[in-house]
Amino acid sequence: MESIIFLVLIVWFFSFFSLAPFVPTRNKDLQRIAKIIQLQTGEVFLEIGSWTAKVSIFMAKYYPNNTIVGIEFSPFLYIVSKIRSFFSWQKNLHIIYGNALHLDFWKYDVFYLFGTPDSLKNKIIPKFQSESKKNARLFSYCFSFENSQLYEKKHKESDQDLSVFEYRKG
């Protein structure tokens, strides 16, 4: 029992340094998200804050001809992600450990994350605007933010759906 409490505390501790608290993507949203994103052949997908790699694994199965990358900052969740990705048997899936803010964004075409509006506005979006490719797209699960320099599209089919916000450069 103590070890479970300890693990929960570790995850909780690292969430203070991440872009958002641990709130996993709902299983029923996975296929909808994959259809909204519409990866084109050859595009490289990055899930920022992959947690348990749920979205990354699903995307790797849904888009077997694309490279799917998940990055996780929490050592415990990174290990969980690596184990889950290994047993998913997806050769196009790569889970890496580290801080997404230290990645070269120009290597990726499509970005996906669950981040608070503050972390989006102050951390991710400035890096996305300055370092990503001209036609790069960023998808935010649940949260939006205001930015007059990016095109925003809200994807929500029903009142029961959580919103997915799509951002593109001018």
Protein backbone atom coordinates (compact mmCIF):
# COMPACT_ATOMS: atom_id res chain seq x y z
CA MET A 1 0.00 0.00 0.00
CA GLU A 2 2.83 2.40 0.84
CA SER A 3 4.47 1.77 -2.54
CA ILE A 4 1.26 2.73 -4.37
CA ILE A 5 0.99 5.93 -2.37
CA PHE A 6 4.66 6.66 -3.11
CA LEU A 7 4.14 6.17 -6.87
CA VAL A 8 1.09 8.43 -6.85
CA LEU A 9 3.11 11.10 -5.03
CA ILE A 10 5.91 10.85 -7.61
CA VAL A 11 3.46 11.33 -10.49
CA TRP A 12 1.79 14.21 -8.63
CA PHE A 13 5.20 15.83 -7.93
CA PHE A 14 6.30 15.75 -11.59
CA SER A 15 2.95 17.16 -12.75
CA PHE A 16 3.94 20.48 -11.12
CA PHE A 17 6.84 20.75 -13.57
CA SER A 18 4.91 19.58 -16.62
CA LEU A 19 2.49 21.40 -18.89
CA ALA A 20 -0.66 20.02 -17.27
CA PRO A 21 -1.90 17.80 -14.47
CA PHE A 22 -2.43 14.10 -15.17
CA VAL A 23 -5.81 13.82 -16.86
CA PRO A 24 -5.73 11.03 -19.42
CA THR A 25 -7.39 11.31 -22.81
CA ARG A 26 -10.73 9.50 -22.75
CA ASN A 27 -10.72 6.19 -24.64
CA LYS A 28 -13.87 7.15 -26.50
CA ASP A 29 -12.05 10.23 -27.90
CA LEU A 30 -9.07 8.40 -29.40
CA GLN A 31 -10.59 7.54 -32.79
CA ARG A 32 -12.22 10.98 -33.07
CA ILE A 33 -8.85 12.64 -32.37
CA ALA A 34 -7.08 10.47 -34.97
CA LYS A 35 -9.70 11.42 -37.58
CA ILE A 36 -9.50 15.13 -36.70
CA ILE A 37 -5.71 15.16 -37.00
CA GLN A 38 -5.70 13.44 -40.42
CA LEU A 39 -1.99 12.66 -40.72
CA GLN A 40 -0.72 12.76 -44.28
CA THR A 41 1.77 10.20 -45.56
CA GLY A 42 5.24 11.01 -44.29
CA GLU A 43 4.17 13.44 -41.56
CA VAL A 44 5.83 13.01 -38.18
CA PHE A 45 3.55 13.22 -35.13
CA LEU A 46 4.70 14.35 -31.66
CA GLU A 47 2.66 13.84 -28.52
CA ILE A 48 3.93 16.29 -25.92
CA GLY A 49 3.52 14.82 -22.45
CA SER A 50 2.66 11.27 -23.47
CA TRP A 51 1.97 10.13 -19.88
CA THR A 52 1.12 6.44 -20.45
CA ALA A 53 1.46 6.66 -24.26
CA LYS A 54 -2.24 5.99 -24.80
CA VAL A 55 -2.61 8.52 -27.62
CA SER A 56 0.78 7.69 -29.16
CA ILE A 57 0.02 3.97 -29.26
CA PHE A 58 -3.40 4.56 -30.79
CA MET A 59 -1.96 6.92 -33.41
CA ALA A 60 0.78 4.41 -34.28
CA LYS A 61 -1.86 1.74 -34.92
CA TYR A 62 -4.19 4.11 -36.78
CA TYR A 63 -1.38 5.56 -38.92
CA PRO A 64 1.10 2.67 -39.42
CA ASN A 65 2.94 4.48 -42.23
CA ASN A 66 3.77 7.55 -40.14
CA THR A 67 6.40 8.09 -37.48
CA ILE A 68 4.77 8.63 -34.07
CA VAL A 69 6.81 10.08 -31.20
CA GLY A 70 5.77 10.56 -27.59
CA ILE A 71 7.86 12.53 -25.12
CA GLU A 72 7.46 12.29 -21.35
CA PHE A 73 9.14 14.28 -18.57
CA SER A 74 8.20 12.10 -15.57
CA PRO A 75 10.67 9.20 -15.13
CA PHE A 76 7.94 6.91 -13.77
CA LEU A 77 5.48 7.65 -16.58
CA TYR A 78 8.27 7.39 -19.15
CA ILE A 79 8.97 3.83 -17.96
CA VAL A 80 5.25 3.02 -18.09
CA SER A 81 5.10 4.47 -21.63
CA LYS A 82 8.13 2.47 -22.76
CA ILE A 83 6.66 -0.78 -21.42
CA ARG A 84 3.25 -0.11 -22.99
CA SER A 85 4.83 0.88 -26.32
CA PHE A 86 7.00 -2.26 -26.34
CA PHE A 87 3.95 -4.49 -25.90
CA SER A 88 2.00 -2.58 -28.55
CA TRP A 89 4.42 -4.02 -31.16
CA GLN A 90 4.28 -0.80 -33.21
CA LYS A 91 7.54 -0.31 -35.10
CA ASN A 92 6.60 3.27 -36.05
CA LEU A 93 6.29 4.33 -32.38
CA HIS A 94 9.12 5.98 -30.43
CA ILE A 95 8.87 7.08 -26.79
CA ILE A 96 11.57 9.45 -25.59
CA TYR A 97 12.39 10.85 -22.17
CA GLY A 98 12.82 14.56 -21.65
CA ASN A 99 11.40 18.03 -21.74
CA ALA A 100 9.53 18.84 -24.97
CA LEU A 101 10.72 22.44 -24.70
CA HIS A 102 14.25 21.17 -25.45
CA LEU A 103 13.26 19.39 -28.67
CA ASP A 104 13.84 20.71 -32.17
CA PHE A 105 10.25 21.41 -33.25
CA TRP A 106 11.21 21.69 -36.93
CA LYS A 107 11.54 17.87 -37.03
CA TYR A 108 7.80 17.40 -36.49
CA ASP A 109 4.74 18.15 -38.61
CA VAL A 110 1.90 17.59 -36.15
CA PHE A 111 1.86 18.24 -32.41
CA TYR A 112 -0.70 16.98 -29.87
CA LEU A 113 -0.93 17.80 -26.19
CA PHE A 114 -3.12 18.26 -23.17
CA GLY A 115 -1.84 21.48 -21.65
CA THR A 116 -3.33 24.26 -19.59
CA PRO A 117 -4.04 27.56 -21.38
CA ASP A 118 -1.19 29.21 -19.47
CA SER A 119 1.37 26.57 -20.49
CA LEU A 120 0.15 26.71 -24.09
CA LYS A 121 0.31 30.48 -24.31
CA ASN A 122 3.59 31.00 -22.47
CA LYS A 123 5.64 27.90 -23.30
CA ILE A 124 4.47 25.79 -26.22
CA ILE A 125 3.06 28.37 -28.63
CA PRO A 126 6.12 30.67 -28.70
CA LYS A 127 8.30 27.64 -29.49
CA PHE A 128 5.75 26.36 -32.05
CA GLN A 129 5.61 29.75 -33.78
CA SER A 130 9.37 30.24 -33.94
CA GLU A 131 10.65 26.69 -34.56
CA SER A 132 8.04 24.61 -36.35
CA LYS A 133 7.64 24.07 -40.08
CA LYS A 134 5.53 26.47 -42.14
CA ASN A 135 2.56 24.06 -42.41
CA ALA A 136 2.85 22.52 -38.94
CA ARG A 137 -0.33 21.88 -36.98
CA LEU A 138 -0.84 21.80 -33.23
CA PHE A 139 -3.81 20.08 -31.55
CA SER A 140 -4.79 20.82 -27.97
CA TYR A 141 -7.12 18.45 -26.12
CA CYS A 142 -9.72 20.38 -24.07
CA PHE A 143 -7.97 23.73 -23.72
CA SER A 144 -7.73 26.73 -26.02
CA PHE A 145 -5.98 30.06 -25.73
CA GLU A 146 -6.11 33.34 -27.58
CA ASN A 147 -3.49 34.17 -30.17
CA SER A 148 -4.22 36.41 -33.12
CA GLN A 149 -1.22 35.10 -35.09
CA LEU A 150 -2.48 31.51 -35.34
CA TYR A 151 -5.51 30.14 -37.12
CA GLU A 152 -7.75 28.28 -34.65
CA LYS A 153 -10.42 25.70 -35.39
CA LYS A 154 -12.54 24.06 -32.71
CA HIS A 155 -13.54 20.42 -33.26
CA LYS A 156 -16.56 19.31 -31.23
CA GLU A 157 -19.33 17.16 -32.66
CA SER A 158 -21.69 16.96 -29.68
CA ASP A 159 -22.16 18.36 -26.17
CA GLN A 160 -20.71 15.13 -24.75
CA ASP A 161 -17.44 15.56 -26.66
CA LEU A 162 -14.46 17.34 -25.21
CA SER A 163 -13.15 19.95 -27.60
CA VAL A 164 -10.04 19.51 -29.70
CA PHE A 165 -8.50 22.80 -30.79
CA GLU A 166 -6.42 22.96 -33.94
CA TYR A 167 -3.82 25.68 -34.48
CA ARG A 168 -1.96 26.51 -37.67
CA LYS A 169 0.46 29.22 -38.57
CA GLY A 170 -1.03 32.18 -40.49
